[in-house]
Protein backbone atom coordinates (compact mmCIF):
# COMPACT_ATOMS: atom_id res chain seq x y z
CA MET A 1 44.39 91.86 79.72
CA ASP A 2 41.58 91.06 77.56
CA LYS A 3 39.34 93.91 76.09
CA ARG A 4 37.01 93.73 78.61
CA GLU A 5 39.35 94.29 81.44
CA ARG A 6 41.08 97.27 79.46
CA LEU A 7 37.43 99.03 79.18
CA GLU A 8 36.92 98.31 83.00
CA ALA A 9 40.49 99.86 83.85
CA TYR A 10 39.26 102.70 81.56
CA LEU A 11 35.87 103.15 83.03
CA GLU A 12 37.57 103.22 86.64
CA SER A 13 40.67 105.39 85.75
CA HIS A 14 38.36 108.04 83.92
CA ASP A 15 35.29 107.98 86.27
CA LEU A 16 32.96 106.76 83.67
CA ASP A 17 29.74 104.77 83.57
CA SER A 18 30.32 103.45 80.02
CA VAL A 19 32.48 103.73 76.80
CA TRP A 20 30.95 103.61 73.44
CA PHE A 21 32.47 103.26 70.08
CA ALA A 22 30.84 104.04 66.57
CA ARG A 23 33.92 104.44 64.30
CA PRO A 24 34.16 101.53 62.12
CA ASN A 25 37.77 100.58 63.34
CA SER A 26 36.97 100.42 67.10
CA PHE A 27 33.81 99.00 66.59
CA ALA A 28 35.49 96.09 64.66
CA TRP A 29 38.12 96.04 67.63
CA LEU A 30 35.66 95.19 70.44
CA THR A 31 33.19 93.14 68.06
CA GLY A 32 35.39 91.53 65.56
CA GLY A 33 32.98 92.60 62.60
CA THR A 34 32.15 95.85 60.79
CA ASN A 35 29.38 98.65 61.03
CA VAL A 36 30.14 100.07 57.71
CA VAL A 37 27.42 100.44 54.92
CA ASP A 38 28.44 104.03 53.64
CA ARG A 39 32.27 104.25 53.61
CA GLU A 40 32.02 107.83 53.56
CA GLY A 41 30.94 108.36 56.98
CA ASP A 42 33.16 108.81 60.02
CA SER A 43 31.08 106.62 61.77
CA GLY A 44 28.84 103.31 61.12
CA VAL A 45 25.63 102.30 61.35
CA ALA A 46 25.77 100.81 64.77
CA ALA A 47 27.78 101.68 68.02
CA VAL A 48 28.74 99.47 70.60
CA GLY A 49 29.12 99.99 74.22
CA TYR A 50 30.34 98.80 77.67
CA ASP A 51 29.38 99.68 81.14
CA GLY A 52 31.53 97.19 83.12
CA THR A 53 28.76 94.66 83.09
CA ASP A 54 26.99 94.81 79.61
CA VAL A 55 27.91 95.08 76.16
CA THR A 56 25.21 96.82 74.43
CA LEU A 57 24.64 97.13 70.68
CA VAL A 58 22.77 100.54 69.37
CA ALA A 59 21.50 100.25 65.70
CA ASN A 60 18.20 101.08 63.66
CA ASN A 61 15.66 98.32 62.58
CA ILE A 62 17.45 98.07 59.26
CA GLU A 63 20.57 96.75 60.51
CA ALA A 64 20.21 95.37 63.97
CA ASP A 65 19.46 91.77 63.08
CA ARG A 66 21.91 91.55 60.64
CA ILE A 67 24.70 93.01 62.66
CA VAL A 68 23.78 90.51 65.65
CA SER A 69 23.73 87.76 63.13
CA GLU A 70 26.97 88.47 61.27
CA GLU A 71 29.00 91.16 62.46
CA VAL A 72 29.79 90.57 66.08
CA PRO A 73 31.76 87.10 66.28
CA ASP A 74 33.86 88.41 69.36
CA LEU A 75 30.58 88.86 71.24
CA ASP A 76 28.48 86.34 72.93
CA VAL A 77 25.30 86.78 71.38
CA ASP A 78 23.11 85.56 73.98
CA GLU A 79 24.56 88.10 76.44
CA LEU A 80 24.58 91.03 74.22
CA VAL A 81 21.85 93.78 75.02
CA VAL A 82 20.64 95.19 71.45
CA GLU A 83 18.75 98.44 71.51
CA ASP A 84 17.20 98.97 68.05
CA PHE A 85 14.85 102.16 66.94
CA PRO A 86 13.09 102.94 64.08
CA TRP A 87 15.40 104.15 61.23
CA HIS A 88 12.93 107.12 60.56
CA ALA A 89 12.50 108.17 64.12
CA SER A 90 16.25 108.93 65.16
CA SER A 91 19.61 109.06 64.29
CA LEU A 92 22.39 106.48 65.81
CA ASP A 93 24.15 109.65 67.88
CA GLU A 94 20.71 110.37 69.27
CA ALA A 95 19.70 106.89 69.90
CA VAL A 96 23.06 106.25 71.90
CA ALA A 97 22.51 109.36 73.93
CA GLU A 98 18.97 108.53 74.74
CA HIS A 99 20.26 105.18 75.66
CA VAL A 100 22.89 106.50 78.26
CA GLY A 101 20.69 108.98 79.43
CA SER A 102 21.59 112.43 80.96
CA ASP A 103 22.56 111.34 84.41
CA GLU A 104 25.42 109.07 83.31
CA ARG A 105 29.08 109.90 82.49
CA ALA A 106 30.01 108.45 79.50
CA ALA A 107 32.51 108.74 76.30
CA ILE A 108 32.41 107.83 72.90
CA ASP A 109 34.77 107.84 69.70
CA ILE A 110 32.80 110.55 67.84
CA ALA A 111 32.08 113.81 68.56
CA LEU A 112 28.60 113.86 70.40
CA SER A 113 27.27 116.53 72.71
CA GLY A 114 27.14 115.51 76.52
CA PHE A 115 29.82 112.74 76.03
CA GLU A 116 33.51 112.86 76.54
CA ARG A 117 35.48 111.63 73.70
CA VAL A 118 37.65 108.55 74.07
CA ASP A 119 40.91 107.91 72.26
CA PRO A 120 40.74 104.22 71.29
CA THR A 121 44.51 103.82 70.45
CA PRO A 122 45.82 102.99 73.71
CA LEU A 123 42.79 100.57 74.47
CA ARG A 124 43.85 98.77 71.10
CA GLN A 125 47.19 98.24 72.33
CA PRO A 126 48.86 95.64 72.76
CA LEU A 127 47.29 92.93 70.29
CA THR A 128 45.21 90.05 71.83
CA GLU A 129 46.11 86.71 70.70
CA ARG A 130 43.03 86.21 68.73
CA ASP A 131 43.87 89.59 66.75
CA ARG A 132 47.49 88.34 66.03
CA GLU A 133 46.04 85.05 64.36
CA ARG A 134 43.62 87.14 62.35
CA TYR A 135 46.58 89.55 61.17
CA ARG A 136 48.47 86.34 60.38
CA GLU A 137 45.89 85.34 57.74
CA LEU A 138 45.31 89.05 56.60
CA GLY A 139 48.87 89.84 56.14
CA ARG A 140 49.45 86.52 54.12
CA GLN A 141 46.56 87.29 51.83
CA THR A 142 47.31 90.93 51.31
CA ALA A 143 50.97 89.89 50.41
CA ALA A 144 49.45 87.08 48.26
CA ALA A 145 47.10 89.39 46.34
CA VAL A 146 49.87 92.04 45.77
CA GLU A 147 52.19 89.50 44.48
CA ALA A 148 49.99 87.70 42.21
CA VAL A 149 49.32 91.10 40.36
CA CYS A 150 52.91 92.44 40.14
CA ARG A 151 54.09 89.16 38.49
CA GLU A 152 51.97 89.89 35.51
CA LEU A 153 52.67 93.17 35.02
CA GLN A 154 54.14 94.76 31.90
CA SER A 155 56.06 97.97 31.29
CA GLY A 156 53.27 99.33 29.28
CA ASP A 157 50.48 98.86 31.88
CA THR A 158 49.47 102.31 33.49
CA GLU A 159 49.35 102.88 37.17
CA HIS A 160 45.62 102.89 36.85
CA GLU A 161 45.25 99.74 35.46
CA VAL A 162 47.80 98.31 38.12
CA ALA A 163 45.98 99.68 40.71
CA SER A 164 42.27 98.37 39.76
CA ALA A 165 43.94 94.83 39.38
CA LEU A 166 44.99 95.19 43.13
CA ARG A 167 41.84 96.29 44.03
CA VAL A 168 40.13 93.29 42.48
CA ALA A 169 42.49 90.59 43.70
CA LEU A 170 42.29 92.07 47.31
CA SER A 171 38.55 92.33 47.28
CA ALA A 172 38.19 88.77 45.81
CA ARG A 173 39.88 87.80 49.30
CA ASP A 174 37.25 90.03 51.39
CA ILE A 175 40.03 92.71 52.06
CA GLU A 176 39.11 96.30 51.52
CA ALA A 177 42.19 98.52 50.10
CA PRO A 178 41.87 101.90 51.92
CA VAL A 179 45.26 102.92 50.10
CA VAL A 180 46.35 101.54 46.78
CA LEU A 181 49.63 103.48 45.47
CA VAL A 182 51.28 102.60 42.05
CA GLY A 183 54.31 104.59 40.92
CA GLY A 184 56.06 103.53 37.49
CA ALA A 185 59.53 104.52 36.99
CA THR A 186 58.83 108.31 36.24
CA ARG A 187 56.66 109.19 39.28
CA ALA A 188 58.09 106.65 41.76
CA GLN A 189 61.40 109.09 41.69
CA GLN A 190 59.38 112.41 41.82
CA TYR A 191 56.66 111.44 44.72
CA ARG A 192 56.92 109.55 47.84
CA HIS A 193 52.92 109.13 47.72
CA TYR A 194 52.55 107.80 44.16
CA THR A 195 48.71 107.98 43.64
CA PRO A 196 47.83 106.56 40.53
CA THR A 197 47.49 107.99 36.91
CA GLU A 198 47.62 107.26 33.58
CA ALA A 199 51.35 107.17 33.20
CA GLU A 200 52.69 103.75 32.01
CA LEU A 201 55.11 102.03 34.19
CA GLY A 202 58.03 101.90 32.05
CA GLU A 203 61.39 100.82 33.40
CA TYR A 204 60.28 99.83 37.10
CA ALA A 205 57.38 100.34 39.25
CA LEU A 206 56.62 100.72 43.35
CA VAL A 207 53.42 99.01 44.23
CA SER A 208 52.10 100.11 47.80
CA VAL A 209 49.02 98.85 49.49
CA THR A 210 47.36 99.48 53.12
CA ALA A 211 44.77 96.66 53.32
CA GLU A 212 42.03 96.16 55.83
CA ARG A 213 39.78 93.23 57.24
CA ALA A 214 37.70 93.32 60.31
CA GLY A 215 39.23 96.51 61.44
CA LEU A 216 42.88 95.29 61.06
CA HIS A 217 45.37 96.87 58.60
CA ALA A 218 48.11 95.54 56.74
CA SER A 219 50.76 97.62 54.70
CA CYS A 220 53.32 96.20 52.17
CA THR A 221 55.21 97.11 49.32
CA ARG A 222 56.54 95.30 46.32
CA THR A 223 59.25 96.55 43.62
CA VAL A 224 59.10 95.10 40.21
CA ALA A 225 61.66 95.87 37.49
CA PHE A 226 61.56 95.37 33.61
CA ASP A 227 64.69 97.51 32.64
CA PRO A 228 65.89 98.64 35.97
CA PRO A 229 68.01 101.74 36.76
CA ALA A 230 71.70 101.04 37.69
CA TRP A 231 71.04 102.62 41.31
CA LEU A 232 67.70 100.81 42.09
CA GLU A 233 69.32 97.73 43.54
CA GLU A 234 71.68 99.49 45.87
CA ARG A 235 68.72 102.11 46.85
CA HIS A 236 66.08 99.51 47.47
CA GLU A 237 68.70 97.69 49.91
CA ALA A 238 69.33 100.75 51.77
CA ALA A 239 65.89 101.31 52.37
CA ALA A 240 65.51 97.62 53.53
CA ARG A 241 68.48 98.01 56.06
CA VAL A 242 66.72 101.17 57.48
CA GLU A 243 63.46 99.29 57.61
CA ALA A 244 65.38 96.29 59.58
CA THR A 245 66.85 98.70 61.92
CA ALA A 246 63.49 100.24 62.50
CA LEU A 247 62.15 96.68 63.58
CA ALA A 248 65.19 95.83 65.75
CA ALA A 249 65.00 99.32 67.43
CA THR A 250 61.19 98.66 67.88
CA GLN A 251 61.85 95.44 69.90
CA ASP A 252 64.52 97.24 71.96
CA ALA A 253 61.93 99.95 73.16
CA ALA A 254 59.39 97.61 73.87
CA THR A 255 61.68 95.75 76.31
CA SER A 256 63.13 98.67 77.84
CA SER A 257 60.28 101.16 78.01
CA ASP A 258 61.60 103.48 75.39
CA SER A 259 59.30 105.66 73.48
CA ALA A 260 58.55 105.98 69.44
CA GLY A 261 60.82 109.03 69.45
CA ASP A 262 63.84 106.62 70.62
CA VAL A 263 62.86 104.39 67.41
CA PHE A 264 62.78 107.32 65.23
CA THR A 265 66.30 108.29 66.29
CA ALA A 266 67.38 104.98 65.36
CA ILE A 267 65.82 105.17 61.93
CA GLN A 268 67.56 108.62 61.40
CA GLN A 269 71.12 107.05 62.43
CA ALA A 270 70.40 104.23 60.18
CA TYR A 271 70.04 106.43 56.95
CA ASP A 272 73.21 108.25 57.79
CA ALA A 273 75.06 104.92 58.25
CA VAL A 274 73.76 103.55 54.76
CA GLY A 275 74.70 106.84 53.03
CA TYR A 276 71.60 108.56 52.65
CA GLU A 277 71.60 111.29 55.47
CA GLY A 278 68.39 113.59 55.91
CA GLU A 279 66.28 111.17 53.43
CA TRP A 280 63.92 110.62 56.34
CA GLU A 281 62.60 114.29 55.95
CA HIS A 282 60.94 113.56 52.47
CA HIS A 283 58.41 110.99 53.80
CA HIS A 284 57.07 109.72 57.15
CA GLN A 285 58.59 106.53 58.42
CA GLY A 286 55.63 104.58 59.62
CA GLY A 287 55.06 103.34 63.15
CA ALA A 288 52.68 101.18 64.91
CA ALA A 289 49.77 99.16 62.98
CA GLY A 290 46.74 97.37 64.12
CA PHE A 291 43.06 98.73 63.91
CA ALA A 292 44.31 101.94 62.12
CA GLY A 293 46.48 102.12 59.05
CA ARG A 294 48.96 103.57 61.66
CA GLU A 295 47.83 103.70 65.31
CA TRP A 296 50.61 106.09 65.55
CA ILE A 297 53.56 107.82 63.11
CA ALA A 298 56.97 108.12 64.68
CA THR A 299 58.27 111.61 64.76
CA PRO A 300 61.47 113.23 66.64
CA ASP A 301 60.83 113.32 70.07
CA HIS A 302 57.53 111.31 69.75
CA ASP A 303 56.62 110.16 73.17
CA ALA A 304 53.93 107.24 72.52
CA PRO A 305 55.05 103.95 74.07
CA VAL A 306 56.26 101.17 72.40
CA GLU A 307 53.81 98.12 72.74
CA ALA A 308 54.58 94.29 72.31
CA PRO A 309 52.87 92.29 71.18
CA MET A 310 51.99 94.69 68.24
CA ALA A 311 52.16 95.11 64.62
CA TYR A 312 54.66 97.67 62.93
CA ALA A 313 54.75 99.00 59.57
CA TRP A 314 57.59 100.84 59.00
CA ASN A 315 57.87 102.33 55.39
CA PRO A 316 61.50 104.14 54.95
CA THR A 317 62.22 105.51 51.31
CA VAL A 318 65.16 106.38 49.33
CA GLN A 319 64.30 108.55 46.20
CA GLY A 320 63.06 106.08 43.91
CA ALA A 321 62.77 103.26 46.28
CA LYS A 322 60.90 101.82 49.24
CA SER A 323 60.75 99.06 51.85
CA GLU A 324 57.52 98.19 53.53
CA GLY A 325 56.00 95.31 55.32
CA THR A 326 53.83 94.72 58.40
CA ALA A 327 55.46 92.93 61.30
CA LEU A 328 54.58 91.13 64.57
CA VAL A 329 56.77 92.25 67.32
CA THR A 330 57.07 90.33 70.63
CA ASP A 331 59.54 90.57 73.28
CA ASP A 332 61.46 87.65 71.51
CA ASP A 333 60.53 87.61 68.01
CA ILE A 334 59.90 89.66 64.93
CA GLU A 335 57.32 87.99 62.48
CA VAL A 336 56.93 89.34 59.09
CA LEU A 337 53.40 88.88 58.52
CA THR A 338 53.03 90.40 54.85
CA ALA A 339 55.30 87.40 53.48
CA THR A 340 54.17 84.32 51.14
CA GLY A 341 57.50 82.65 51.07
CA ARG A 342 56.97 82.81 47.05
CA TRP A 343 58.85 86.10 46.23
CA PRO A 344 62.57 86.38 46.02
CA THR A 345 64.27 88.10 48.96
CA THR A 346 67.54 89.76 49.93
CA SER A 347 68.76 88.98 53.64
CA VAL A 348 69.75 92.54 55.41
CA SER A 349 71.39 93.44 58.33
CA ALA A 350 70.21 96.19 60.90
CA VAL A 351 72.61 98.98 61.47
CA ASP A 352 74.26 98.68 64.69
CA ARG A 353 71.92 95.75 66.08
CA ASP A 354 71.90 92.07 65.77
CA LEU A 355 69.13 91.13 63.23
CA GLU A 356 69.65 89.87 60.07
CA LEU A 357 66.08 90.16 58.26
CA GLU A 358 64.78 88.52 54.93
CA ARG A 359 63.18 91.16 53.05
CA PRO A 360 61.41 91.19 49.60
CA ALA A 361 63.76 91.74 46.72
CA VAL A 362 63.21 93.65 43.17
CA LEU A 363 61.55 90.98 41.11
CA GLU A 364 62.74 91.35 37.52
CA LEU A 365 60.53 90.48 34.52
CA GLU A 366 60.88 90.69 30.98
CA PRO A 367 60.17 93.90 29.54
């Protein structure tokens, strides 16, 4: 089912005349481009709507021509209805409301008086073929940027310096970095979200990013060691086995109509099997990825459906170690998207499931 078919089904099932998207990730899902100028706002500078026949873009006169020319690759511009308004005369919210009128029933993904609220997450699942191709490229380039920075690290580098280098490497590839985490040996053992500080890396480092381009998000982690503690390799492999189990359970759930909660149960059992019972309590384990860093995060008894083909980013941790990547899960394949083929890997087996998966190993560098 393509995106317009999904929207038509949504309009019919909710008895709506139109549905609108102003938040950047949902705007990107429908158009293939971005409506962002100021990243501090919840909504962008344009909204896009569908009424079962026409796709309409609403933007002020500063932005309309540029967005039509550069930011809607998935739309037929010749068929696109464009409503622009003077920048000084109205806000985007007011312009959308005026376009829809008071007699129509409409939904939008932001808070707007007179409109119902649409949750875009179900509409964005599963991924279309075109989005899967974009995801492959994003995953490869994200991993390439992270690995290039990691290979140049030194134990005396500060977490802030590494984070800056990561943002530059990603930006050079036209990739935004909403999440950049760098934890040196001390803080990686203290915290699961190791936001960068002036601390030096020391014996080893965990480097994690969530990267975004055209609305799609890819997450990955790499571990670099200079003088690794004796336990690092074992904990790293344990986390990788939990991640492999999560992916195998995801595929099982997608083909048997199980839920996110069923996958979470498999994750809990995997922690027990690798000798780290209860470790899941210290950090979320990830979930479905796509047009958000996580479309949903799995929790015990979570009833979200597990879709395929869909991207998933599981991120299990064992104190001081983490395994994380973004994978495309289909009925018959698990394709790791955040891989380059140029990083050392280790083969790990899922717990109680028939899956062997290559996951990034700890890269050891000279101190």
